[in-house]
Amino acid sequence: MSLSARELLSESLLSHPGVSRQPHRFGGIEFVYEGKEIGHVHGDHLVDILFPKPVRDELVASGRAQPHHMFPESGWVSVYIKSGDDAASAIEMLKLKYDLMASKQR
């Protein structure tokens, strides 16, 4: 039995110190570090992550993420999960956000 995308994301993120998960206010699961959102997952198919605008712009320009599905001009990105590679990419971007947040705490 293979894990769902949501389970893979949860397993990966919850392995990092200080990360927890909770229901997201618009549905799905929200991952939190030190009381602040890392990103959230809608079902097994969509991950939304808020980045500083320059990081967001680089991720979109490189094709690693799409502009946010509701707020395309914001710092938010959307990652659509259609394959294992997409799930791995979402995990990589959630880890990037975690690393950015953790480095500010040090």
C-alpha atoms as a PDB file:
ATOM      1  CA  MET A   1       0.000   0.000   0.000  1.00  0.00           C
ATOM      2  CA  SER A   2       1.481   3.337  -1.003  1.00  0.00           C
ATOM      3  CA  LEU A   3       1.043   6.569   0.900  1.00  0.00           C
ATOM      4  CA  SER A   4      -1.172   9.366  -0.420  1.00  0.00           C
ATOM      5  CA  ALA A   5       0.423  12.705  -1.322  1.00  0.00           C
ATOM      6  CA  ARG A   6      -0.988  14.244   1.859  1.00  0.00           C
ATOM      7  CA  GLU A   7       0.511  11.416   3.931  1.00  0.00           C
ATOM      8  CA  LEU A   8       3.906  11.793   2.207  1.00  0.00           C
ATOM      9  CA  LEU A   9       3.913  15.544   2.848  1.00  0.00           C
ATOM     10  CA  SER A  10       2.878  15.045   6.466  1.00  0.00           C
ATOM     11  CA  GLU A  11       5.507  12.395   7.087  1.00  0.00           C
ATOM     12  CA  SER A  12       8.229  14.592   5.626  1.00  0.00           C
ATOM     13  CA  LEU A  13       7.306  17.848   7.357  1.00  0.00           C
ATOM     14  CA  LEU A  14       6.490  16.387  10.742  1.00  0.00           C
ATOM     15  CA  SER A  15      10.018  14.940  10.867  1.00  0.00           C
ATOM     16  CA  HIS A  16      11.409  18.483  11.288  1.00  0.00           C
ATOM     17  CA  PRO A  17      11.737  19.972  14.787  1.00  0.00           C
ATOM     18  CA  GLY A  18       8.938  22.334  15.814  1.00  0.00           C
ATOM     19  CA  VAL A  19       6.500  21.375  13.026  1.00  0.00           C
ATOM     20  CA  SER A  20       2.907  20.425  13.741  1.00  0.00           C
ATOM     21  CA  ARG A  21      -0.234  20.117  11.683  1.00  0.00           C
ATOM     22  CA  GLN A  22      -3.768  21.317  12.190  1.00  0.00           C
ATOM     23  CA  PRO A  23      -6.950  21.822  10.166  1.00  0.00           C
ATOM     24  CA  HIS A  24      -6.685  24.746   7.728  1.00  0.00           C
ATOM     25  CA  ARG A  25      -9.359  27.440   7.912  1.00  0.00           C
ATOM     26  CA  PHE A  26     -10.323  26.909   4.249  1.00  0.00           C
ATOM     27  CA  GLY A  27     -10.206  23.128   4.411  1.00  0.00           C
ATOM     28  CA  GLY A  28      -7.346  20.684   4.225  1.00  0.00           C
ATOM     29  CA  ILE A  29      -4.311  20.452   6.485  1.00  0.00           C
ATOM     30  CA  GLU A  30      -2.037  23.296   7.545  1.00  0.00           C
ATOM     31  CA  PHE A  31       1.580  22.745   8.559  1.00  0.00           C
ATOM     32  CA  VAL A  32       2.824  25.105  11.256  1.00  0.00           C
ATOM     33  CA  TYR A  33       6.269  26.001  12.589  1.00  0.00           C
ATOM     34  CA  GLU A  34       6.538  28.005  15.795  1.00  0.00           C
ATOM     35  CA  GLY A  35       2.910  29.147  15.406  1.00  0.00           C
ATOM     36  CA  LYS A  36       3.260  30.303  11.782  1.00  0.00           C
ATOM     37  CA  GLU A  37       2.009  28.572   8.659  1.00  0.00           C
ATOM     38  CA  ILE A  38       4.531  26.805   6.448  1.00  0.00           C
ATOM     39  CA  GLY A  39       1.888  25.865   3.882  1.00  0.00           C
ATOM     40  CA  HIS A  40      -1.316  23.923   3.492  1.00  0.00           C
ATOM     41  CA  VAL A  41      -2.605  20.971   1.514  1.00  0.00           C
ATOM     42  CA  HIS A  42      -6.019  20.665  -0.123  1.00  0.00           C
ATOM     43  CA  GLY A  43      -6.779  16.947  -0.417  1.00  0.00           C
ATOM     44  CA  ASP A  44      -4.078  15.046  -2.261  1.00  0.00           C
ATOM     45  CA  HIS A  45      -3.776  17.383  -5.216  1.00  0.00           C
ATOM     46  CA  LEU A  46      -2.908  20.964  -4.248  1.00  0.00           C
ATOM     47  CA  VAL A  47      -0.324  22.587  -1.959  1.00  0.00           C
ATOM     48  CA  ASP A  48      -0.239  26.339  -1.261  1.00  0.00           C
ATOM     49  CA  ILE A  49       2.854  28.014   0.216  1.00  0.00           C
ATOM     50  CA  LEU A  50       3.559  31.687   1.006  1.00  0.00           C
ATOM     51  CA  PHE A  51       7.070  32.878   0.162  1.00  0.00           C
ATOM     52  CA  PRO A  52       8.752  36.265   0.148  1.00  0.00           C
ATOM     53  CA  LYS A  53       7.875  37.783  -3.246  1.00  0.00           C
ATOM     54  CA  PRO A  54      11.405  37.440  -4.764  1.00  0.00           C
ATOM     55  CA  VAL A  55      11.489  33.726  -3.878  1.00  0.00           C
ATOM     56  CA  ARG A  56       7.952  33.278  -5.214  1.00  0.00           C
ATOM     57  CA  ASP A  57       8.895  35.014  -8.463  1.00  0.00           C
ATOM     58  CA  GLU A  58      11.932  32.736  -8.924  1.00  0.00           C
ATOM     59  CA  LEU A  59       9.900  29.573  -8.244  1.00  0.00           C
ATOM     60  CA  VAL A  60       7.247  30.600 -10.772  1.00  0.00           C
ATOM     61  CA  ALA A  61       9.797  31.731 -13.380  1.00  0.00           C
ATOM     62  CA  SER A  62      11.660  28.422 -13.087  1.00  0.00           C
ATOM     63  CA  GLY A  63       8.430  26.441 -13.474  1.00  0.00           C
ATOM     64  CA  ARG A  64       8.744  24.800 -10.063  1.00  0.00           C
ATOM     65  CA  ALA A  65       5.441  26.347  -8.926  1.00  0.00           C
ATOM     66  CA  GLN A  66       2.412  28.101 -10.340  1.00  0.00           C
ATOM     67  CA  PRO A  67       1.033  31.470  -9.253  1.00  0.00           C
ATOM     68  CA  HIS A  68      -1.527  30.955  -6.484  1.00  0.00           C
ATOM     69  CA  HIS A  69      -4.843  29.722  -7.848  1.00  0.00           C
ATOM     70  CA  MET A  70      -6.829  32.509  -6.101  1.00  0.00           C
ATOM     71  CA  PHE A  71      -4.249  35.282  -5.568  1.00  0.00           C
ATOM     72  CA  PRO A  72      -1.860  35.085  -8.541  1.00  0.00           C
ATOM     73  CA  GLU A  73      -0.085  38.379  -7.833  1.00  0.00           C
ATOM     74  CA  SER A  74       0.646  37.599  -4.177  1.00  0.00           C
ATOM     75  CA  GLY A  75       3.627  35.824  -2.645  1.00  0.00           C
ATOM     76  CA  TRP A  76       1.631  32.593  -2.565  1.00  0.00           C
ATOM     77  CA  VAL A  77       2.394  29.718  -4.930  1.00  0.00           C
ATOM     78  CA  SER A  78       0.347  26.657  -5.792  1.00  0.00           C
ATOM     79  CA  VAL A  79       1.844  23.253  -6.482  1.00  0.00           C
ATOM     80  CA  TYR A  80      -0.459  20.789  -8.219  1.00  0.00           C
ATOM     81  CA  ILE A  81       0.215  17.152  -7.390  1.00  0.00           C
ATOM     82  CA  LYS A  82      -0.461  14.794 -10.268  1.00  0.00           C
ATOM     83  CA  SER A  83       2.488  12.409  -9.859  1.00  0.00           C
ATOM     84  CA  GLY A  84       5.155  11.241  -7.464  1.00  0.00           C
ATOM     85  CA  ASP A  85       7.547  13.790  -8.956  1.00  0.00           C
ATOM     86  CA  ASP A  86       5.046  16.554  -8.171  1.00  0.00           C
ATOM     87  CA  ALA A  87       4.772  15.324  -4.572  1.00  0.00           C
ATOM     88  CA  ALA A  88       8.575  15.329  -4.282  1.00  0.00           C
ATOM     89  CA  SER A  89       8.662  18.892  -5.644  1.00  0.00           C
ATOM     90  CA  ALA A  90       6.004  19.994  -3.136  1.00  0.00           C
ATOM     91  CA  ILE A  91       8.018  18.431  -0.308  1.00  0.00           C
ATOM     92  CA  GLU A  92      11.128  20.251  -1.542  1.00  0.00           C
ATOM     93  CA  MET A  93       9.319  23.613  -1.571  1.00  0.00           C
ATOM     94  CA  LEU A  94       7.741  23.061   1.850  1.00  0.00           C
ATOM     95  CA  LYS A  95      11.244  22.243   3.146  1.00  0.00           C
ATOM     96  CA  LEU A  96      12.555  25.446   1.552  1.00  0.00           C
ATOM     97  CA  LYS A  97       9.866  27.427   3.379  1.00  0.00           C
ATOM     98  CA  TYR A  98      10.634  25.594   6.633  1.00  0.00           C
ATOM     99  CA  ASP A  99      14.360  26.374   6.225  1.00  0.00           C
ATOM    100  CA  LEU A 100      13.589  30.063   5.600  1.00  0.00           C
ATOM    101  CA  MET A 101      11.431  30.192   8.720  1.00  0.00           C
ATOM    102  CA  ALA A 102      13.878  28.230  10.904  1.00  0.00           C
ATOM    103  CA  SER A 103      16.811  30.422   9.856  1.00  0.00           C
ATOM    104  CA  LYS A 104      14.927  33.476  11.132  1.00  0.00           C
ATOM    105  CA  GLN A 105      14.480  31.783  14.523  1.00  0.00           C
ATOM    106  CA  ARG A 106      18.220  31.195  14.984  1.00  0.00           C
END
